[in-house]
C-alpha atoms as a PDB file:
ATOM      1  CA  MET A   1      12.198  36.979 -89.046  1.00  0.00           C
ATOM      2  CA  LYS A   2      13.481  33.378 -89.236  1.00  0.00           C
ATOM      3  CA  ALA A   3      12.272  32.585 -85.708  1.00  0.00           C
ATOM      4  CA  GLU A   4       8.814  33.971 -86.517  1.00  0.00           C
ATOM      5  CA  LEU A   5       8.648  31.811 -89.652  1.00  0.00           C
ATOM      6  CA  ILE A   6       9.664  28.673 -87.723  1.00  0.00           C
ATOM      7  CA  ILE A   7       7.113  29.371 -84.979  1.00  0.00           C
ATOM      8  CA  GLY A   8       4.438  29.980 -87.595  1.00  0.00           C
ATOM      9  CA  LEU A   9       5.257  26.716 -89.401  1.00  0.00           C
ATOM     10  CA  LEU A  10       5.279  24.808 -86.120  1.00  0.00           C
ATOM     11  CA  PHE A  11       1.898  26.283 -85.162  1.00  0.00           C
ATOM     12  CA  ALA A  12       0.474  25.363 -88.571  1.00  0.00           C
ATOM     13  CA  PHE A  13       1.855  21.817 -88.306  1.00  0.00           C
ATOM     14  CA  VAL A  14       0.313  21.313 -84.851  1.00  0.00           C
ATOM     15  CA  THR A  15      -3.001  22.783 -86.000  1.00  0.00           C
ATOM     16  CA  VAL A  16      -3.222  20.792 -89.242  1.00  0.00           C
ATOM     17  CA  PHE A  17      -2.116  17.453 -87.825  1.00  0.00           C
ATOM     18  CA  GLY A  18      -3.907  17.848 -84.503  1.00  0.00           C
ATOM     19  CA  LEU A  19      -1.026  16.799 -82.308  1.00  0.00           C
ATOM     20  CA  ASN A  20      -1.946  15.999 -78.739  1.00  0.00           C
ATOM     21  CA  PRO A  21      -0.139  14.810 -75.605  1.00  0.00           C
ATOM     22  CA  SER A  22      -0.343  11.166 -76.674  1.00  0.00           C
ATOM     23  CA  ALA A  23       1.299  11.857 -80.031  1.00  0.00           C
ATOM     24  CA  GLY A  24       4.456   9.819 -80.359  1.00  0.00           C
ATOM     25  CA  GLN A  25       3.348   7.254 -77.797  1.00  0.00           C
ATOM     26  CA  THR A  26       3.609   3.676 -78.883  1.00  0.00           C
ATOM     27  CA  ASN A  27       1.152   0.857 -78.306  1.00  0.00           C
ATOM     28  CA  GLU A  28       3.956  -1.565 -77.448  1.00  0.00           C
ATOM     29  CA  ALA A  29       5.642  -2.246 -74.136  1.00  0.00           C
ATOM     30  CA  ALA A  30       9.182  -0.921 -73.856  1.00  0.00           C
ATOM     31  CA  GLN A  31      11.769  -3.269 -75.425  1.00  0.00           C
ATOM     32  CA  VAL A  32      13.543  -3.875 -72.113  1.00  0.00           C
ATOM     33  CA  PHE A  33      10.619  -6.141 -71.107  1.00  0.00           C
ATOM     34  CA  LYS A  34      11.066  -8.628 -73.972  1.00  0.00           C
ATOM     35  CA  PRO A  35      13.125 -11.287 -72.088  1.00  0.00           C
ATOM     36  CA  ALA A  36      10.694 -11.259 -69.153  1.00  0.00           C
ATOM     37  CA  LEU A  37       7.662 -11.334 -71.438  1.00  0.00           C
ATOM     38  CA  ASP A  38       9.081 -14.447 -73.093  1.00  0.00           C
ATOM     39  CA  GLN A  39       9.123 -16.022 -69.597  1.00  0.00           C
ATOM     40  CA  ILE A  40       5.529 -15.175 -68.627  1.00  0.00           C
ATOM     41  CA  ARG A  41       3.415 -15.073 -71.783  1.00  0.00           C
ATOM     42  CA  GLY A  42       0.878 -17.877 -71.730  1.00  0.00           C
ATOM     43  CA  HIS A  43       1.416 -18.560 -68.013  1.00  0.00           C
ATOM     44  CA  THR A  44      -1.071 -16.070 -66.580  1.00  0.00           C
ATOM     45  CA  GLN A  45      -4.766 -15.532 -67.207  1.00  0.00           C
ATOM     46  CA  ILE A  46      -4.771 -11.785 -66.524  1.00  0.00           C
ATOM     47  CA  PRO A  47      -3.926  -9.038 -69.008  1.00  0.00           C
ATOM     48  CA  ILE A  48      -0.278  -7.950 -68.821  1.00  0.00           C
ATOM     49  CA  LEU A  49       0.014  -4.182 -68.519  1.00  0.00           C
ATOM     50  CA  LEU A  50       3.442  -2.563 -68.985  1.00  0.00           C
ATOM     51  CA  PRO A  51       4.719   0.950 -69.719  1.00  0.00           C
ATOM     52  CA  SER A  52       5.538   1.901 -73.283  1.00  0.00           C
ATOM     53  CA  LYS A  53       8.188   4.336 -72.056  1.00  0.00           C
ATOM     54  CA  PHE A  54      10.299   4.834 -68.985  1.00  0.00           C
ATOM     55  CA  PRO A  55      10.685   7.959 -66.931  1.00  0.00           C
ATOM     56  CA  ALA A  56      14.128   9.539 -66.858  1.00  0.00           C
ATOM     57  CA  ALA A  57      14.584   8.117 -63.327  1.00  0.00           C
ATOM     58  CA  VAL A  58      15.047   4.638 -64.842  1.00  0.00           C
ATOM     59  CA  ARG A  59      17.524   4.683 -67.681  1.00  0.00           C
ATOM     60  CA  GLU A  60      16.454   1.847 -69.947  1.00  0.00           C
ATOM     61  CA  PRO A  61      19.989   1.284 -71.363  1.00  0.00           C
ATOM     62  CA  ASP A  62      21.259   0.675 -67.798  1.00  0.00           C
ATOM     63  CA  ILE A  63      18.887  -2.279 -67.245  1.00  0.00           C
ATOM     64  CA  LYS A  64      20.879  -5.521 -67.470  1.00  0.00           C
ATOM     65  CA  LEU A  65      18.209  -8.060 -66.427  1.00  0.00           C
ATOM     66  CA  ALA A  66      14.444  -8.304 -66.866  1.00  0.00           C
ATOM     67  CA  TRP A  67      13.044 -11.231 -64.869  1.00  0.00           C
ATOM     68  CA  GLY A  68       9.452 -12.448 -65.054  1.00  0.00           C
ATOM     69  CA  THR A  69       7.351 -14.815 -62.994  1.00  0.00           C
ATOM     70  CA  ALA A  70       3.730 -15.784 -63.603  1.00  0.00           C
ATOM     71  CA  THR A  71       0.840 -17.824 -62.263  1.00  0.00           C
ATOM     72  CA  ASP A  72      -2.787 -18.109 -63.309  1.00  0.00           C
ATOM     73  CA  SER A  73      -3.617 -15.361 -60.832  1.00  0.00           C
ATOM     74  CA  GLY A  74      -0.858 -12.878 -61.612  1.00  0.00           C
ATOM     75  CA  TYR A  75       2.562 -11.878 -62.887  1.00  0.00           C
ATOM     76  CA  ASN A  76       5.542  -9.814 -61.882  1.00  0.00           C
ATOM     77  CA  ILE A  77       8.407  -8.418 -63.928  1.00  0.00           C
ATOM     78  CA  SER A  78      11.440  -7.059 -62.089  1.00  0.00           C
ATOM     79  CA  LEU A  79      14.223  -5.003 -63.640  1.00  0.00           C
ATOM     80  CA  TYR A  80      17.791  -4.927 -62.340  1.00  0.00           C
ATOM     81  CA  TYR A  81      20.905  -2.865 -62.992  1.00  0.00           C
ATOM     82  CA  THR A  82      23.087  -6.012 -62.907  1.00  0.00           C
ATOM     83  CA  GLU A  83      22.816  -9.417 -64.555  1.00  0.00           C
ATOM     84  CA  ILE A  84      22.253 -11.004 -61.135  1.00  0.00           C
ATOM     85  CA  ARG A  85      18.997 -10.531 -59.222  1.00  0.00           C
ATOM     86  CA  ASN A  86      19.650  -8.809 -55.912  1.00  0.00           C
ATOM     87  CA  ASP A  87      18.008  -6.065 -53.873  1.00  0.00           C
ATOM     88  CA  VAL A  88      20.919  -3.666 -54.284  1.00  0.00           C
ATOM     89  CA  ALA A  89      20.575  -3.725 -58.093  1.00  0.00           C
ATOM     90  CA  PHE A  90      16.744  -3.547 -58.123  1.00  0.00           C
ATOM     91  CA  ALA A  91      15.444  -0.834 -60.460  1.00  0.00           C
ATOM     92  CA  ALA A  92      11.711  -1.399 -60.793  1.00  0.00           C
ATOM     93  CA  SER A  93       8.917  -3.950 -60.920  1.00  0.00           C
ATOM     94  CA  PHE A  94       5.584  -4.179 -62.663  1.00  0.00           C
ATOM     95  CA  GLY A  95       2.899  -6.629 -61.669  1.00  0.00           C
ATOM     96  CA  GLY A  96      -0.712  -7.613 -61.789  1.00  0.00           C
ATOM     97  CA  SER A  97      -2.802  -9.836 -59.539  1.00  0.00           C
ATOM     98  CA  LYS A  98      -6.376 -11.066 -59.208  1.00  0.00           C
ATOM     99  CA  GLN A  99      -6.026 -10.283 -55.488  1.00  0.00           C
ATOM    100  CA  VAL A 100      -7.415  -6.758 -55.146  1.00  0.00           C
ATOM    101  CA  PHE A 101      -6.640  -4.667 -52.066  1.00  0.00           C
ATOM    102  CA  ARG A 102      -9.148  -2.005 -51.051  1.00  0.00           C
ATOM    103  CA  ASP A 103      -7.105  -0.410 -48.295  1.00  0.00           C
ATOM    104  CA  LEU A 104      -3.334  -0.108 -48.323  1.00  0.00           C
ATOM    105  CA  PRO A 105      -1.625   1.565 -45.345  1.00  0.00           C
ATOM    106  CA  ASN A 106       0.493   4.690 -45.758  1.00  0.00           C
ATOM    107  CA  THR A 107      -0.928   5.520 -49.193  1.00  0.00           C
ATOM    108  CA  ARG A 108      -2.815   8.447 -50.601  1.00  0.00           C
ATOM    109  CA  PRO A 109      -5.168   8.544 -53.578  1.00  0.00           C
ATOM    110  CA  VAL A 110      -4.083   9.948 -56.945  1.00  0.00           C
ATOM    111  CA  VAL A 111      -5.998   9.976 -60.226  1.00  0.00           C
ATOM    112  CA  LEU A 112      -4.558   8.458 -63.402  1.00  0.00           C
ATOM    113  CA  ALA A 113      -5.160  10.032 -66.813  1.00  0.00           C
ATOM    114  CA  SER A 114      -7.902   7.418 -67.427  1.00  0.00           C
ATOM    115  CA  GLY A 115      -9.783   8.674 -64.350  1.00  0.00           C
ATOM    116  CA  ILE A 116      -8.937   5.570 -62.303  1.00  0.00           C
ATOM    117  CA  VAL A 117      -8.081   6.310 -58.682  1.00  0.00           C
ATOM    118  CA  ALA A 118      -4.717   4.813 -57.741  1.00  0.00           C
ATOM    119  CA  MET A 119      -2.929   4.571 -54.393  1.00  0.00           C
ATOM    120  CA  PHE A 120       0.534   6.139 -54.093  1.00  0.00           C
ATOM    121  CA  ARG A 121       3.208   5.436 -51.495  1.00  0.00           C
ATOM    122  CA  SER A 122       6.475   7.371 -51.567  1.00  0.00           C
ATOM    123  CA  VAL A 123       9.939   5.974 -50.847  1.00  0.00           C
ATOM    124  CA  SER A 124      10.215   4.972 -47.212  1.00  0.00           C
ATOM    125  CA  CYS A 125      13.444   4.327 -45.348  1.00  0.00           C
ATOM    126  CA  GLY A 126      14.243   2.475 -42.156  1.00  0.00           C
ATOM    127  CA  GLY A 127      17.179   0.057 -42.100  1.00  0.00           C
ATOM    128  CA  SER A 128      17.034   0.299 -45.896  1.00  0.00           C
ATOM    129  CA  CYS A 129      14.782   2.110 -48.336  1.00  0.00           C
ATOM    130  CA  ALA A 130      11.664   0.677 -49.964  1.00  0.00           C
ATOM    131  CA  PRO A 131      10.834   1.838 -53.505  1.00  0.00           C
ATOM    132  CA  ALA A 132       8.016   4.220 -54.394  1.00  0.00           C
ATOM    133  CA  ASN A 133       4.780   2.347 -55.214  1.00  0.00           C
ATOM    134  CA  LEU A 134       1.589   2.858 -57.168  1.00  0.00           C
ATOM    135  CA  TRP A 135      -1.396   0.463 -57.124  1.00  0.00           C
ATOM    136  CA  TRP A 136      -4.645   0.614 -59.073  1.00  0.00           C
ATOM    137  CA  GLU A 137      -7.512  -1.662 -59.971  1.00  0.00           C
ATOM    138  CA  GLN A 138      -8.461  -2.045 -63.599  1.00  0.00           C
ATOM    139  CA  LYS A 139     -11.083  -4.552 -64.782  1.00  0.00           C
ATOM    140  CA  GLY A 140     -10.783  -6.671 -61.656  1.00  0.00           C
ATOM    141  CA  VAL A 141      -6.974  -6.770 -61.648  1.00  0.00           C
ATOM    142  CA  MET A 142      -4.737  -4.995 -59.136  1.00  0.00           C
ATOM    143  CA  TYR A 143      -1.726  -3.542 -60.937  1.00  0.00           C
ATOM    144  CA  GLN A 144       1.393  -2.307 -59.180  1.00  0.00           C
ATOM    145  CA  ILE A 145       4.461  -0.318 -60.153  1.00  0.00           C
ATOM    146  CA  GLN A 146       7.529  -0.044 -57.920  1.00  0.00           C
ATOM    147  CA  ILE A 147      10.444   2.193 -58.856  1.00  0.00           C
ATOM    148  CA  THR A 148      13.629   2.644 -56.875  1.00  0.00           C
ATOM    149  CA  LEU A 149      14.150   6.376 -56.451  1.00  0.00           C
ATOM    150  CA  ARG A 150      16.614   8.328 -54.339  1.00  0.00           C
ATOM    151  CA  SER A 151      15.298   8.910 -50.822  1.00  0.00           C
ATOM    152  CA  ASN A 152      15.840  12.660 -51.203  1.00  0.00           C
ATOM    153  CA  THR A 153      13.576  12.839 -54.275  1.00  0.00           C
ATOM    154  CA  ASN A 154      10.702  15.223 -53.562  1.00  0.00           C
ATOM    155  CA  GLU A 155       7.453  13.317 -52.891  1.00  0.00           C
ATOM    156  CA  MET A 156       5.572  15.206 -55.623  1.00  0.00           C
ATOM    157  CA  GLU A 157       8.341  14.276 -58.089  1.00  0.00           C
ATOM    158  CA  GLN A 158       8.072  10.631 -57.009  1.00  0.00           C
ATOM    159  CA  GLU A 159       4.327  10.763 -57.628  1.00  0.00           C
ATOM    160  CA  ARG A 160       4.845  12.385 -61.035  1.00  0.00           C
ATOM    161  CA  ILE A 161       7.335   9.680 -62.060  1.00  0.00           C
ATOM    162  CA  LEU A 162       5.040   6.805 -61.103  1.00  0.00           C
ATOM    163  CA  MET A 163       1.955   8.459 -62.608  1.00  0.00           C
ATOM    164  CA  GLU A 164       3.795   9.128 -65.875  1.00  0.00           C
ATOM    165  CA  THR A 165       4.863   5.490 -65.982  1.00  0.00           C
ATOM    166  CA  ALA A 166       1.348   4.195 -65.243  1.00  0.00           C
ATOM    167  CA  ASN A 167      -0.216   6.572 -67.775  1.00  0.00           C
ATOM    168  CA  SER A 168       2.071   5.206 -70.506  1.00  0.00           C
ATOM    169  CA  SER A 169       1.015   1.597 -69.775  1.00  0.00           C
ATOM    170  CA  VAL A 170      -0.327  -0.558 -72.582  1.00  0.00           C
ATOM    171  CA  THR A 171      -1.842  -4.038 -72.639  1.00  0.00           C
ATOM    172  CA  VAL A 172       0.667  -6.527 -74.014  1.00  0.00           C
ATOM    173  CA  ARG A 173      -0.588  -8.754 -76.819  1.00  0.00           C
ATOM    174  CA  LYS A 174      -0.836 -12.434 -75.914  1.00  0.00           C
ATOM    175  CA  GLN A 175       0.913 -13.704 -79.088  1.00  0.00           C
END
């Protein structure tokens, strides 16, 4: 009886308040980006697009350094698991550039929630492993997300992680 009452109340709450998949999403970039945003704001002419939330594959509390670089034609923010920038501690990067690529090798098309077609490349390993990547063009800007994932992560899971991250992206205010 109690379970039925709780389910009924939950159903009524969802119906009355019209909850949808974007409920609970914020319109602000995740807090981990703040130090890097302080470095790049005002130094690039393109809109800065960053995720409002991280996938479970990147534990935000484990990020020790957010480093940003910017030019008039683009920006890049890299996240690291140590306070020193090095490839071994690289977690993820987020960037935008006025240079738009139409054809990227070893990619396949995927569709973001907005309907934009993006290009996905899974983790690739040779002497070392390159992170999973996602690129898409939005209003004349080529955006990119790179996330370091384990090489044994299923390719569909890699795609899901990057798509979820891209779909949570918001435009950062210029301030």
